[in-house]
Amino acid sequence: ILQSDDEHLSMFIENPYQENQDPESKGNQVAVENIKKRLELLYGDASALHMHQKPNAYQVEVKLPKQLTNENISR
């Protein structure tokens, strides 16, 4: 799902989730932290990565700025 407002483009990705899922399959969250750091380096505070656990689903939101300016990007 894509959503847009005046300043941001948000992408929502949702996958099924089972409460009795094997804890070993959760991983160590290195990829999530890596993505957060990359977004921050590229866009600063203008971007975000949010994760939401819903009943029987796991949702990720990636928020990016529509316009790139010197204030919200790194060089």
PDB file of N, CA and C in Angstrom:
ATOM      1  N   ILE A   1       0.854  -1.162   0.000  1.00  0.00           N
ATOM      2  CA  ILE A   1       0.000   0.000   0.000  1.00  0.00           C
ATOM      3  C   ILE A   1       0.902   1.227   0.000  1.00  0.00           C
ATOM      4  N   LEU A   2       0.598   2.179  -0.871  1.00  0.00           N
ATOM      5  CA  LEU A   2       1.313   3.450  -0.903  1.00  0.00           C
ATOM      6  C   LEU A   2       0.380   4.564  -0.464  1.00  0.00           C
ATOM      7  N   GLN A   3       0.899   5.467   0.370  1.00  0.00           N
ATOM      8  CA  GLN A   3       0.146   6.646   0.784  1.00  0.00           C
ATOM      9  C   GLN A   3       1.039   7.860   0.617  1.00  0.00           C
ATOM     10  N   SER A   4       0.402   8.992   0.370  1.00  0.00           N
ATOM     11  CA  SER A   4       1.154  10.211   0.139  1.00  0.00           C
ATOM     12  C   SER A   4       0.489  11.377   0.860  1.00  0.00           C
ATOM     13  N   ASP A   5       1.314  12.270   1.406  1.00  0.00           N
ATOM     14  CA  ASP A   5       0.812  13.538   1.912  1.00  0.00           C
ATOM     15  C   ASP A   5       1.656  14.633   1.262  1.00  0.00           C
ATOM     16  N   ASP A   6       1.579  15.844   1.757  1.00  0.00           N
ATOM     17  CA  ASP A   6       2.300  16.948   1.122  1.00  0.00           C
ATOM     18  C   ASP A   6       3.814  16.765   1.136  1.00  0.00           C
ATOM     19  N   GLU A   7       4.334  16.111   2.158  1.00  0.00           N
ATOM     20  CA  GLU A   7       5.781  16.031   2.324  1.00  0.00           C
ATOM     21  C   GLU A   7       6.384  14.636   2.192  1.00  0.00           C
ATOM     22  N   HIS A   8       5.578  13.582   2.403  1.00  0.00           N
ATOM     23  CA  HIS A   8       6.139  12.230   2.469  1.00  0.00           C
ATOM     24  C   HIS A   8       5.396  11.230   1.589  1.00  0.00           C
ATOM     25  N   LEU A   9       6.119  10.208   1.214  1.00  0.00           N
ATOM     26  CA  LEU A   9       5.560   9.025   0.569  1.00  0.00           C
ATOM     27  C   LEU A   9       5.767   7.874   1.546  1.00  0.00           C
ATOM     28  N   SER A  10       4.695   7.171   1.883  1.00  0.00           N
ATOM     29  CA  SER A  10       4.776   6.052   2.821  1.00  0.00           C
ATOM     30  C   SER A  10       4.402   4.757   2.123  1.00  0.00           C
ATOM     31  N   MET A  11       5.192   3.730   2.365  1.00  0.00           N
ATOM     32  CA  MET A  11       4.947   2.406   1.803  1.00  0.00           C
ATOM     33  C   MET A  11       4.704   1.453   2.969  1.00  0.00           C
ATOM     34  N   PHE A  12       3.608   0.708   2.897  1.00  0.00           N
ATOM     35  CA  PHE A  12       3.257  -0.265   3.929  1.00  0.00           C
ATOM     36  C   PHE A  12       3.366  -1.668   3.339  1.00  0.00           C
ATOM     37  N   ILE A  13       4.066  -2.534   4.043  1.00  0.00           N
ATOM     38  CA  ILE A  13       4.242  -3.923   3.625  1.00  0.00           C
ATOM     39  C   ILE A  13       3.742  -4.789   4.772  1.00  0.00           C
ATOM     40  N   GLU A  14       2.897  -5.766   4.462  1.00  0.00           N
ATOM     41  CA  GLU A  14       2.320  -6.604   5.510  1.00  0.00           C
ATOM     42  C   GLU A  14       2.481  -8.073   5.148  1.00  0.00           C
ATOM     43  N   ASN A  15       2.905  -8.852   6.125  1.00  0.00           N
ATOM     44  CA  ASN A  15       3.067 -10.294   5.958  1.00  0.00           C
ATOM     45  C   ASN A  15       2.321 -11.019   7.070  1.00  0.00           C
ATOM     46  N   PRO A  16       1.838 -12.222   6.787  1.00  0.00           N
ATOM     47  CA  PRO A  16       1.179 -13.011   7.831  1.00  0.00           C
ATOM     48  C   PRO A  16       2.158 -13.332   8.959  1.00  0.00           C
ATOM     49  N   TYR A  17       1.617 -13.462  10.149  1.00  0.00           N
ATOM     50  CA  TYR A  17       2.420 -13.768  11.327  1.00  0.00           C
ATOM     51  C   TYR A  17       1.657 -14.771  12.181  1.00  0.00           C
ATOM     52  N   GLN A  18       2.360 -15.778  12.659  1.00  0.00           N
ATOM     53  CA  GLN A  18       1.739 -16.768  13.537  1.00  0.00           C
ATOM     54  C   GLN A  18       2.311 -16.607  14.936  1.00  0.00           C
ATOM     55  N   GLU A  19       1.434 -16.513  15.929  1.00  0.00           N
ATOM     56  CA  GLU A  19       1.894 -16.313  17.305  1.00  0.00           C
ATOM     57  C   GLU A  19       2.779 -17.447  17.799  1.00  0.00           C
ATOM     58  N   ASN A  20       2.573 -18.642  17.310  1.00  0.00           N
ATOM     59  CA  ASN A  20       3.374 -19.782  17.753  1.00  0.00           C
ATOM     60  C   ASN A  20       4.611 -19.983  16.879  1.00  0.00           C
ATOM     61  N   GLN A  21       5.017 -18.943  16.169  1.00  0.00           N
ATOM     62  CA  GLN A  21       6.186 -19.018  15.299  1.00  0.00           C
ATOM     63  C   GLN A  21       7.438 -19.313  16.122  1.00  0.00           C
ATOM     64  N   ASP A  22       8.328 -20.109  15.568  1.00  0.00           N
ATOM     65  CA  ASP A  22       9.572 -20.484  16.230  1.00  0.00           C
ATOM     66  C   ASP A  22      10.401 -19.235  16.543  1.00  0.00           C
ATOM     67  N   PRO A  23      10.780 -19.013  17.803  1.00  0.00           N
ATOM     68  CA  PRO A  23      11.571 -17.828  18.165  1.00  0.00           C
ATOM     69  C   PRO A  23      12.903 -17.751  17.434  1.00  0.00           C
ATOM     70  N   GLU A  24      13.456 -18.888  17.031  1.00  0.00           N
ATOM     71  CA  GLU A  24      14.720 -18.892  16.302  1.00  0.00           C
ATOM     72  C   GLU A  24      14.599 -18.173  14.965  1.00  0.00           C
ATOM     73  N   SER A  25      13.392 -18.124  14.398  1.00  0.00           N
ATOM     74  CA  SER A  25      13.218 -17.508  13.083  1.00  0.00           C
ATOM     75  C   SER A  25      13.132 -15.990  13.156  1.00  0.00           C
ATOM     76  N   LYS A  26      13.095 -15.416  14.359  1.00  0.00           N
ATOM     77  CA  LYS A  26      13.005 -13.964  14.496  1.00  0.00           C
ATOM     78  C   LYS A  26      14.314 -13.275  14.145  1.00  0.00           C
ATOM     79  N   GLY A  27      15.422 -13.949  14.223  1.00  0.00           N
ATOM     80  CA  GLY A  27      16.704 -13.359  13.877  1.00  0.00           C
ATOM     81  C   GLY A  27      17.219 -12.422  14.950  1.00  0.00           C
ATOM     82  N   ASN A  28      18.232 -11.656  14.583  1.00  0.00           N
ATOM     83  CA  ASN A  28      18.858 -10.767  15.558  1.00  0.00           C
ATOM     84  C   ASN A  28      18.631  -9.290  15.247  1.00  0.00           C
ATOM     85  N   GLN A  29      17.772  -8.973  14.294  1.00  0.00           N
ATOM     86  CA  GLN A  29      17.385  -7.598  13.960  1.00  0.00           C
ATOM     87  C   GLN A  29      18.509  -6.771  13.343  1.00  0.00           C
ATOM     88  N   VAL A  30      19.605  -7.388  12.895  1.00  0.00           N
ATOM     89  CA  VAL A  30      20.707  -6.646  12.288  1.00  0.00           C
ATOM     90  C   VAL A  30      20.243  -5.955  11.010  1.00  0.00           C
ATOM     91  N   ALA A  31      19.473  -6.627  10.188  1.00  0.00           N
ATOM     92  CA  ALA A  31      18.997  -6.031   8.934  1.00  0.00           C
ATOM     93  C   ALA A  31      18.116  -4.817   9.204  1.00  0.00           C
ATOM     94  N   VAL A  32      17.250  -4.906  10.194  1.00  0.00           N
ATOM     95  CA  VAL A  32      16.363  -3.787  10.531  1.00  0.00           C
ATOM     96  C   VAL A  32      17.189  -2.580  10.967  1.00  0.00           C
ATOM     97  N   GLU A  33      18.149  -2.790  11.838  1.00  0.00           N
ATOM     98  CA  GLU A  33      18.994  -1.687  12.299  1.00  0.00           C
ATOM     99  C   GLU A  33      19.811  -1.109  11.148  1.00  0.00           C
ATOM    100  N   ASN A  34      20.283  -1.950  10.245  1.00  0.00           N
ATOM    101  CA  ASN A  34      21.041  -1.495   9.084  1.00  0.00           C
ATOM    102  C   ASN A  34      20.175  -0.605   8.191  1.00  0.00           C
ATOM    103  N   ILE A  35      18.945  -1.006   7.946  1.00  0.00           N
ATOM    104  CA  ILE A  35      18.035  -0.211   7.119  1.00  0.00           C
ATOM    105  C   ILE A  35      17.751   1.132   7.786  1.00  0.00           C
ATOM    106  N   LYS A  36      17.502   1.132   9.092  1.00  0.00           N
ATOM    107  CA  LYS A  36      17.254   2.387   9.812  1.00  0.00           C
ATOM    108  C   LYS A  36      18.446   3.337   9.689  1.00  0.00           C
ATOM    109  N   LYS A  37      19.648   2.816   9.851  1.00  0.00           N
ATOM    110  CA  LYS A  37      20.845   3.646   9.757  1.00  0.00           C
ATOM    111  C   LYS A  37      21.029   4.200   8.352  1.00  0.00           C
ATOM    112  N   ARG A  38      20.779   3.377   7.345  1.00  0.00           N
ATOM    113  CA  ARG A  38      20.915   3.844   5.960  1.00  0.00           C
ATOM    114  C   ARG A  38      19.909   4.945   5.640  1.00  0.00           C
ATOM    115  N   LEU A  39      18.662   4.768   6.087  1.00  0.00           N
ATOM    116  CA  LEU A  39      17.650   5.804   5.868  1.00  0.00           C
ATOM    117  C   LEU A  39      18.054   7.106   6.555  1.00  0.00           C
ATOM    118  N   GLU A  40      18.553   6.997   7.778  1.00  0.00           N
ATOM    119  CA  GLU A  40      18.972   8.195   8.505  1.00  0.00           C
ATOM    120  C   GLU A  40      20.145   8.883   7.813  1.00  0.00           C
ATOM    121  N   LEU A  41      21.105   8.101   7.330  1.00  0.00           N
ATOM    122  CA  LEU A  41      22.246   8.687   6.626  1.00  0.00           C
ATOM    123  C   LEU A  41      21.816   9.380   5.335  1.00  0.00           C
ATOM    124  N   LEU A  42      20.881   8.784   4.621  1.00  0.00           N
ATOM    125  CA  LEU A  42      20.443   9.350   3.346  1.00  0.00           C
ATOM    126  C   LEU A  42      19.490  10.527   3.501  1.00  0.00           C
ATOM    127  N   TYR A  43      18.546  10.429   4.441  1.00  0.00           N
ATOM    128  CA  TYR A  43      17.462  11.408   4.519  1.00  0.00           C
ATOM    129  C   TYR A  43      17.354  12.123   5.859  1.00  0.00           C
ATOM    130  N   GLY A  44      18.177  11.784   6.819  1.00  0.00           N
ATOM    131  CA  GLY A  44      18.095  12.413   8.132  1.00  0.00           C
ATOM    132  C   GLY A  44      16.760  12.138   8.804  1.00  0.00           C
ATOM    133  N   ASP A  45      16.233  13.164   9.462  1.00  0.00           N
ATOM    134  CA  ASP A  45      14.963  13.018  10.183  1.00  0.00           C
ATOM    135  C   ASP A  45      13.750  12.994   9.261  1.00  0.00           C
ATOM    136  N   ALA A  46      13.955  13.189   7.960  1.00  0.00           N
ATOM    137  CA  ALA A  46      12.831  13.226   7.018  1.00  0.00           C
ATOM    138  C   ALA A  46      12.319  11.832   6.669  1.00  0.00           C
ATOM    139  N   SER A  47      13.008  10.789   7.109  1.00  0.00           N
ATOM    140  CA  SER A  47      12.578   9.418   6.814  1.00  0.00           C
ATOM    141  C   SER A  47      12.297   8.670   8.111  1.00  0.00           C
ATOM    142  N   ALA A  48      11.624   7.525   7.963  1.00  0.00           N
ATOM    143  CA  ALA A  48      11.333   6.705   9.145  1.00  0.00           C
ATOM    144  C   ALA A  48      11.080   5.265   8.722  1.00  0.00           C
ATOM    145  N   LEU A  49      11.319   4.364   9.648  1.00  0.00           N
ATOM    146  CA  LEU A  49      11.002   2.951   9.483  1.00  0.00           C
ATOM    147  C   LEU A  49      10.279   2.518  10.750  1.00  0.00           C
ATOM    148  N   HIS A  50       9.032   2.096  10.594  1.00  0.00           N
ATOM    149  CA  HIS A  50       8.229   1.666  11.739  1.00  0.00           C
ATOM    150  C   HIS A  50       7.741   0.245  11.510  1.00  0.00           C
ATOM    151  N   MET A  51       7.744  -0.545  12.571  1.00  0.00           N
ATOM    152  CA  MET A  51       7.244  -1.913  12.507  1.00  0.00           C
ATOM    153  C   MET A  51       6.104  -2.074  13.493  1.00  0.00           C
ATOM    154  N   HIS A  52       5.040  -2.732  13.053  1.00  0.00           N
ATOM    155  CA  HIS A  52       3.857  -2.922  13.883  1.00  0.00           C
ATOM    156  C   HIS A  52       3.451  -4.387  13.844  1.00  0.00           C
ATOM    157  N   GLN A  53       3.289  -4.989  15.002  1.00  0.00           N
ATOM    158  CA  GLN A  53       2.767  -6.351  15.067  1.00  0.00           C
ATOM    159  C   GLN A  53       1.269  -6.260  15.308  1.00  0.00           C
ATOM    160  N   LYS A  54       0.515  -6.805  14.388  1.00  0.00           N
ATOM    161  CA  LYS A  54      -0.936  -6.828  14.476  1.00  0.00           C
ATOM    162  C   LYS A  54      -1.359  -8.270  14.713  1.00  0.00           C
ATOM    163  N   PRO A  55      -2.609  -8.497  15.062  1.00  0.00           N
ATOM    164  CA  PRO A  55      -3.061  -9.891  15.193  1.00  0.00           C
ATOM    165  C   PRO A  55      -2.893 -10.621  13.852  1.00  0.00           C
ATOM    166  N   ASN A  56      -2.084 -11.638  13.849  1.00  0.00           N
ATOM    167  CA  ASN A  56      -1.860 -12.493  12.676  1.00  0.00           C
ATOM    168  C   ASN A  56      -1.152 -11.807  11.518  1.00  0.00           C
ATOM    169  N   ALA A  57      -0.552 -10.639  11.738  1.00  0.00           N
ATOM    170  CA  ALA A  57       0.177  -9.959  10.660  1.00  0.00           C
ATOM    171  C   ALA A  57       1.263  -9.067  11.257  1.00  0.00           C
ATOM    172  N   TYR A  58       2.275  -8.828  10.455  1.00  0.00           N
ATOM    173  CA  TYR A  58       3.375  -7.957  10.827  1.00  0.00           C
ATOM    174  C   TYR A  58       3.470  -6.899   9.745  1.00  0.00           C
ATOM    175  N   GLN A  59       3.443  -5.615  10.111  1.00  0.00           N
ATOM    176  CA  GLN A  59       3.427  -4.540   9.127  1.00  0.00           C
ATOM    177  C   GLN A  59       4.658  -3.657   9.289  1.00  0.00           C
ATOM    178  N   VAL A  60       5.239  -3.285   8.158  1.00  0.00           N
ATOM    179  CA  VAL A  60       6.378  -2.380   8.135  1.00  0.00           C
ATOM    180  C   VAL A  60       5.975  -1.150   7.332  1.00  0.00           C
ATOM    181  N   GLU A  61       6.311   0.024   7.868  1.00  0.00           N
ATOM    182  CA  GLU A  61       6.077   1.284   7.155  1.00  0.00           C
ATOM    183  C   GLU A  61       7.423   1.933   6.874  1.00  0.00           C
ATOM    184  N   VAL A  62       7.662   2.281   5.616  1.00  0.00           N
ATOM    185  CA  VAL A  62       8.848   3.031   5.222  1.00  0.00           C
ATOM    186  C   VAL A  62       8.358   4.396   4.757  1.00  0.00           C
ATOM    187  N   LYS A  63       8.871   5.436   5.389  1.00  0.00           N
ATOM    188  CA  LYS A  63       8.443   6.802   5.071  1.00  0.00           C
ATOM    189  C   LYS A  63       9.635   7.567   4.503  1.00  0.00           C
ATOM    190  N   LEU A  64       9.450   8.153   3.311  1.00  0.00           N
ATOM    191  CA  LEU A  64      10.512   8.889   2.635  1.00  0.00           C
ATOM    192  C   LEU A  64      10.028  10.284   2.276  1.00  0.00           C
ATOM    193  N   PRO A  65      10.948  11.258   2.230  1.00  0.00           N
ATOM    194  CA  PRO A  65      10.542  12.598   1.820  1.00  0.00           C
ATOM    195  C   PRO A  65      10.268  12.639   0.318  1.00  0.00           C
ATOM    196  N   LYS A  66       9.275  13.442  -0.082  1.00  0.00           N
ATOM    197  CA  LYS A  66       8.974  13.594  -1.506  1.00  0.00           C
ATOM    198  C   LYS A  66      10.034  14.434  -2.206  1.00  0.00           C
ATOM    199  N   GLN A  67      10.506  15.451  -1.534  1.00  0.00           N
ATOM    200  CA  GLN A  67      11.507  16.323  -2.129  1.00  0.00           C
ATOM    201  C   GLN A  67      12.796  16.218  -1.338  1.00  0.00           C
ATOM    202  N   LEU A  68      13.887  16.121  -2.067  1.00  0.00           N
ATOM    203  CA  LEU A  68      15.188  16.063  -1.421  1.00  0.00           C
ATOM    204  C   LEU A  68      15.764  17.468  -1.357  1.00  0.00           C
ATOM    205  N   THR A  69      16.193  17.857  -0.178  1.00  0.00           N
ATOM    206  CA  THR A  69      16.831  19.153   0.025  1.00  0.00           C
ATOM    207  C   THR A  69      18.149  18.927   0.733  1.00  0.00           C
ATOM    208  N   ASN A  70      18.958  19.963   0.789  1.00  0.00           N
ATOM    209  CA  ASN A  70      20.227  19.845   1.504  1.00  0.00           C
ATOM    210  C   ASN A  70      20.011  19.546   2.977  1.00  0.00           C
ATOM    211  N   GLU A  71      18.862  19.954   3.527  1.00  0.00           N
ATOM    212  CA  GLU A  71      18.592  19.723   4.940  1.00  0.00           C
ATOM    213  C   GLU A  71      18.250  18.269   5.246  1.00  0.00           C
ATOM    214  N   ASN A  72      17.659  17.543   4.278  1.00  0.00           N
ATOM    215  CA  ASN A  72      17.230  16.178   4.597  1.00  0.00           C
ATOM    216  C   ASN A  72      18.009  15.092   3.866  1.00  0.00           C
ATOM    217  N   ILE A  73      19.131  15.450   3.260  1.00  0.00           N
ATOM    218  CA  ILE A  73      19.985  14.413   2.669  1.00  0.00           C
ATOM    219  C   ILE A  73      21.421  14.637   3.108  1.00  0.00           C
ATOM    220  N   SER A  74      22.175  13.569   3.108  1.00  0.00           N
ATOM    221  CA  SER A  74      23.596  13.687   3.411  1.00  0.00           C
ATOM    222  C   SER A  74      24.367  13.715   2.104  1.00  0.00           C
ATOM    223  N   ARG A  75      25.559  14.178   2.169  1.00  0.00           N
ATOM    224  CA  ARG A  75      26.391  14.244   0.949  1.00  0.00           C
ATOM    225  C   ARG A  75      27.471  13.211   1.010  1.00  0.00           C
TER     226      ARG A  75
END
